[in-house]
Amino acid sequence: MPHPQIGSSTIEHQGFISLSDRPLTLRLHWLENECITTDIDRQTTYSTVESYVLDLLLYHDICLIHQLNSINDVADGRKHMAAIALMRSVLRQFIVSRRGPFIFTLPICIRAASLLIKIGISLD
């Protein structure tokens, strides 16, 4: 099913599924568990691929700044920062479709352990 934006599907109180939250990647979830702020509102959805990928690269910037063990030494820090800068500079060359519709895909592995469910909600 095509979607106009990139985001996470949520089940509303009335039982309807809506696209209303930012995509929750494993890396983002990990950063938040480590109390590293991402400065991106949870209700953010993306209308372009570029804005989504640039925010993913921002996560890496934030990790370099706030996570003390993310860099081993000066040379390692330069490698990390060069990789992020390189990705930003060549981003447009690798994105074919810049605007929607976006296609919803399920993860390859659909098990109970792969799903994140808010407390108080059950899937029957």
C-alpha atoms as a PDB file:
ATOM      1  CA  MET A   1       0.000   0.000   0.000  1.00  0.00           C
ATOM      2  CA  PRO A   2       1.539   3.359  -0.997  1.00  0.00           C
ATOM      3  CA  HIS A   3       1.960   6.015   1.706  1.00  0.00           C
ATOM      4  CA  PRO A   4       2.473   9.771   1.201  1.00  0.00           C
ATOM      5  CA  GLN A   5       5.172   9.962   3.906  1.00  0.00           C
ATOM      6  CA  ILE A   6       7.864   7.949   5.670  1.00  0.00           C
ATOM      7  CA  GLY A   7       6.956   7.159   9.269  1.00  0.00           C
ATOM      8  CA  SER A   8       5.745   4.532  11.699  1.00  0.00           C
ATOM      9  CA  SER A   9       2.253   3.119  11.714  1.00  0.00           C
ATOM     10  CA  THR A  10       0.328   3.514  14.940  1.00  0.00           C
ATOM     11  CA  ILE A  11      -3.013   2.125  16.049  1.00  0.00           C
ATOM     12  CA  GLU A  12      -5.295   4.950  17.167  1.00  0.00           C
ATOM     13  CA  HIS A  13      -7.789   4.631  20.056  1.00  0.00           C
ATOM     14  CA  GLN A  14     -10.627   4.011  17.582  1.00  0.00           C
ATOM     15  CA  GLY A  15      -8.722   1.067  16.078  1.00  0.00           C
ATOM     16  CA  PHE A  16      -7.600   2.815  12.886  1.00  0.00           C
ATOM     17  CA  ILE A  17      -4.012   2.567  11.669  1.00  0.00           C
ATOM     18  CA  SER A  18      -2.363   5.893  10.920  1.00  0.00           C
ATOM     19  CA  LEU A  19       1.058   7.076   9.822  1.00  0.00           C
ATOM     20  CA  SER A  20       1.801   9.532  12.595  1.00  0.00           C
ATOM     21  CA  ASP A  21       5.209   8.893  14.160  1.00  0.00           C
ATOM     22  CA  ARG A  22       8.830   8.985  13.011  1.00  0.00           C
ATOM     23  CA  PRO A  23      10.357   5.749  11.750  1.00  0.00           C
ATOM     24  CA  LEU A  24      11.757   3.799  14.664  1.00  0.00           C
ATOM     25  CA  THR A  25      15.036   2.240  13.631  1.00  0.00           C
ATOM     26  CA  LEU A  26      17.076  -0.048  15.844  1.00  0.00           C
ATOM     27  CA  ARG A  27      19.857   2.578  16.038  1.00  0.00           C
ATOM     28  CA  LEU A  28      17.434   5.320  17.140  1.00  0.00           C
ATOM     29  CA  HIS A  29      15.916   3.028  19.752  1.00  0.00           C
ATOM     30  CA  TRP A  30      19.399   2.163  21.011  1.00  0.00           C
ATOM     31  CA  LEU A  31      20.424   5.837  21.283  1.00  0.00           C
ATOM     32  CA  GLU A  32      17.319   6.713  23.263  1.00  0.00           C
ATOM     33  CA  ASN A  33      17.913   3.776  25.621  1.00  0.00           C
ATOM     34  CA  GLU A  34      21.406   5.179  26.216  1.00  0.00           C
ATOM     35  CA  CYS A  35      19.765   8.547  27.155  1.00  0.00           C
ATOM     36  CA  ILE A  36      21.235  10.247  24.078  1.00  0.00           C
ATOM     37  CA  THR A  37      18.754  12.821  22.838  1.00  0.00           C
ATOM     38  CA  THR A  38      18.057  12.875  19.107  1.00  0.00           C
ATOM     39  CA  ASP A  39      16.288  16.282  19.013  1.00  0.00           C
ATOM     40  CA  ILE A  40      13.712  14.911  16.564  1.00  0.00           C
ATOM     41  CA  ASP A  41      10.085  15.031  17.625  1.00  0.00           C
ATOM     42  CA  ARG A  42       8.347  11.651  17.882  1.00  0.00           C
ATOM     43  CA  GLN A  43       5.448  12.904  15.726  1.00  0.00           C
ATOM     44  CA  THR A  44       7.783  13.725  12.824  1.00  0.00           C
ATOM     45  CA  THR A  45       7.042  12.102   9.478  1.00  0.00           C
ATOM     46  CA  TYR A  46       9.079  12.633   6.331  1.00  0.00           C
ATOM     47  CA  SER A  47       7.737  13.683   2.945  1.00  0.00           C
ATOM     48  CA  THR A  48      11.096  13.230   1.185  1.00  0.00           C
ATOM     49  CA  VAL A  49      13.817  10.603   1.302  1.00  0.00           C
ATOM     50  CA  GLU A  50      16.503  13.286   1.682  1.00  0.00           C
ATOM     51  CA  SER A  51      15.028  14.681   4.903  1.00  0.00           C
ATOM     52  CA  TYR A  52      14.803  11.180   6.384  1.00  0.00           C
ATOM     53  CA  VAL A  53      18.378  10.214   5.439  1.00  0.00           C
ATOM     54  CA  LEU A  54      19.751  13.567   6.635  1.00  0.00           C
ATOM     55  CA  ASP A  55      18.110  12.985  10.011  1.00  0.00           C
ATOM     56  CA  LEU A  56      19.673   9.498  10.126  1.00  0.00           C
ATOM     57  CA  LEU A  57      23.056  11.129   9.536  1.00  0.00           C
ATOM     58  CA  LEU A  58      22.224  13.641  12.270  1.00  0.00           C
ATOM     59  CA  TYR A  59      21.789  10.685  14.647  1.00  0.00           C
ATOM     60  CA  HIS A  60      25.388   9.720  13.887  1.00  0.00           C
ATOM     61  CA  ASP A  61      26.558  13.294  14.581  1.00  0.00           C
ATOM     62  CA  ILE A  62      24.749  13.280  17.913  1.00  0.00           C
ATOM     63  CA  CYS A  63      26.272   9.917  18.803  1.00  0.00           C
ATOM     64  CA  LEU A  64      29.781  11.235  18.115  1.00  0.00           C
ATOM     65  CA  ILE A  65      29.135  14.244  20.338  1.00  0.00           C
ATOM     66  CA  HIS A  66      27.344  12.609  23.271  1.00  0.00           C
ATOM     67  CA  GLN A  67      28.617   9.039  23.449  1.00  0.00           C
ATOM     68  CA  LEU A  68      32.015   9.095  25.097  1.00  0.00           C
ATOM     69  CA  ASN A  69      33.216   5.752  23.719  1.00  0.00           C
ATOM     70  CA  SER A  70      32.159   6.330  20.108  1.00  0.00           C
ATOM     71  CA  ILE A  71      35.666   7.435  19.091  1.00  0.00           C
ATOM     72  CA  ASN A  72      38.851   5.552  20.037  1.00  0.00           C
ATOM     73  CA  ASP A  73      41.449   8.198  19.125  1.00  0.00           C
ATOM     74  CA  VAL A  74      42.008  11.222  16.868  1.00  0.00           C
ATOM     75  CA  ALA A  75      42.488   9.103  13.723  1.00  0.00           C
ATOM     76  CA  ASP A  76      39.313   7.127  14.443  1.00  0.00           C
ATOM     77  CA  GLY A  77      37.391  10.367  15.006  1.00  0.00           C
ATOM     78  CA  ARG A  78      38.569  11.728  11.676  1.00  0.00           C
ATOM     79  CA  LYS A  79      37.451   8.526   9.923  1.00  0.00           C
ATOM     80  CA  HIS A  80      33.974   8.712  11.471  1.00  0.00           C
ATOM     81  CA  MET A  81      33.527  12.407  10.637  1.00  0.00           C
ATOM     82  CA  ALA A  82      34.872  11.903   7.093  1.00  0.00           C
ATOM     83  CA  ALA A  83      32.428   9.033   6.496  1.00  0.00           C
ATOM     84  CA  ILE A  84      29.465  11.140   7.636  1.00  0.00           C
ATOM     85  CA  ALA A  85      30.585  14.126   5.544  1.00  0.00           C
ATOM     86  CA  LEU A  86      31.072  11.870   2.511  1.00  0.00           C
ATOM     87  CA  MET A  87      27.569  10.415   2.891  1.00  0.00           C
ATOM     88  CA  ARG A  88      26.078  13.917   3.038  1.00  0.00           C
ATOM     89  CA  SER A  89      27.996  15.023  -0.053  1.00  0.00           C
ATOM     90  CA  VAL A  90      27.025  12.051  -2.269  1.00  0.00           C
ATOM     91  CA  LEU A  91      23.489  11.568  -0.930  1.00  0.00           C
ATOM     92  CA  ARG A  92      21.652  12.939  -3.969  1.00  0.00           C
ATOM     93  CA  GLN A  93      23.532  10.648  -6.347  1.00  0.00           C
ATOM     94  CA  PHE A  94      22.125   7.519  -4.683  1.00  0.00           C
ATOM     95  CA  ILE A  95      18.475   8.475  -4.188  1.00  0.00           C
ATOM     96  CA  VAL A  96      16.362   7.643  -7.212  1.00  0.00           C
ATOM     97  CA  SER A  97      12.859   8.543  -6.009  1.00  0.00           C
ATOM     98  CA  ARG A  98      12.931  11.680  -3.894  1.00  0.00           C
ATOM     99  CA  ARG A  99       9.201  12.011  -3.123  1.00  0.00           C
ATOM    100  CA  GLY A 100       6.428   9.509  -2.428  1.00  0.00           C
ATOM    101  CA  PRO A 101       4.480   7.440  -2.698  1.00  0.00           C
ATOM    102  CA  PHE A 102       6.443   5.233  -0.314  1.00  0.00           C
ATOM    103  CA  ILE A 103       5.768   1.523  -0.086  1.00  0.00           C
ATOM    104  CA  PHE A 104       5.174  -0.082   3.288  1.00  0.00           C
ATOM    105  CA  THR A 105       7.274  -3.197   3.792  1.00  0.00           C
ATOM    106  CA  LEU A 106       7.285  -5.641   6.640  1.00  0.00           C
ATOM    107  CA  PRO A 107      10.525  -6.798   8.213  1.00  0.00           C
ATOM    108  CA  ILE A 108      11.854 -10.141   7.041  1.00  0.00           C
ATOM    109  CA  CYS A 109      11.511 -11.635  10.504  1.00  0.00           C
ATOM    110  CA  ILE A 110       8.044 -11.201  11.992  1.00  0.00           C
ATOM    111  CA  ARG A 111       8.163 -12.657  15.502  1.00  0.00           C
ATOM    112  CA  ALA A 112       6.826 -11.352  18.790  1.00  0.00           C
ATOM    113  CA  ALA A 113      10.368 -10.346  19.777  1.00  0.00           C
ATOM    114  CA  SER A 114      10.644  -8.181  16.632  1.00  0.00           C
ATOM    115  CA  LEU A 115       7.654  -5.990  17.513  1.00  0.00           C
ATOM    116  CA  LEU A 116       7.669  -3.047  19.919  1.00  0.00           C
ATOM    117  CA  ILE A 117       4.328  -2.698  21.678  1.00  0.00           C
ATOM    118  CA  LYS A 118       3.379   0.074  24.104  1.00  0.00           C
ATOM    119  CA  ILE A 119       2.400  -1.180  27.552  1.00  0.00           C
ATOM    120  CA  GLY A 120      -1.330  -1.571  27.884  1.00  0.00           C
ATOM    121  CA  ILE A 121      -1.942  -2.544  24.255  1.00  0.00           C
ATOM    122  CA  SER A 122      -2.358  -6.152  23.240  1.00  0.00           C
ATOM    123  CA  LEU A 123      -2.375  -7.789  19.844  1.00  0.00           C
ATOM    124  CA  ASP A 124      -5.005 -10.520  19.613  1.00  0.00           C
END
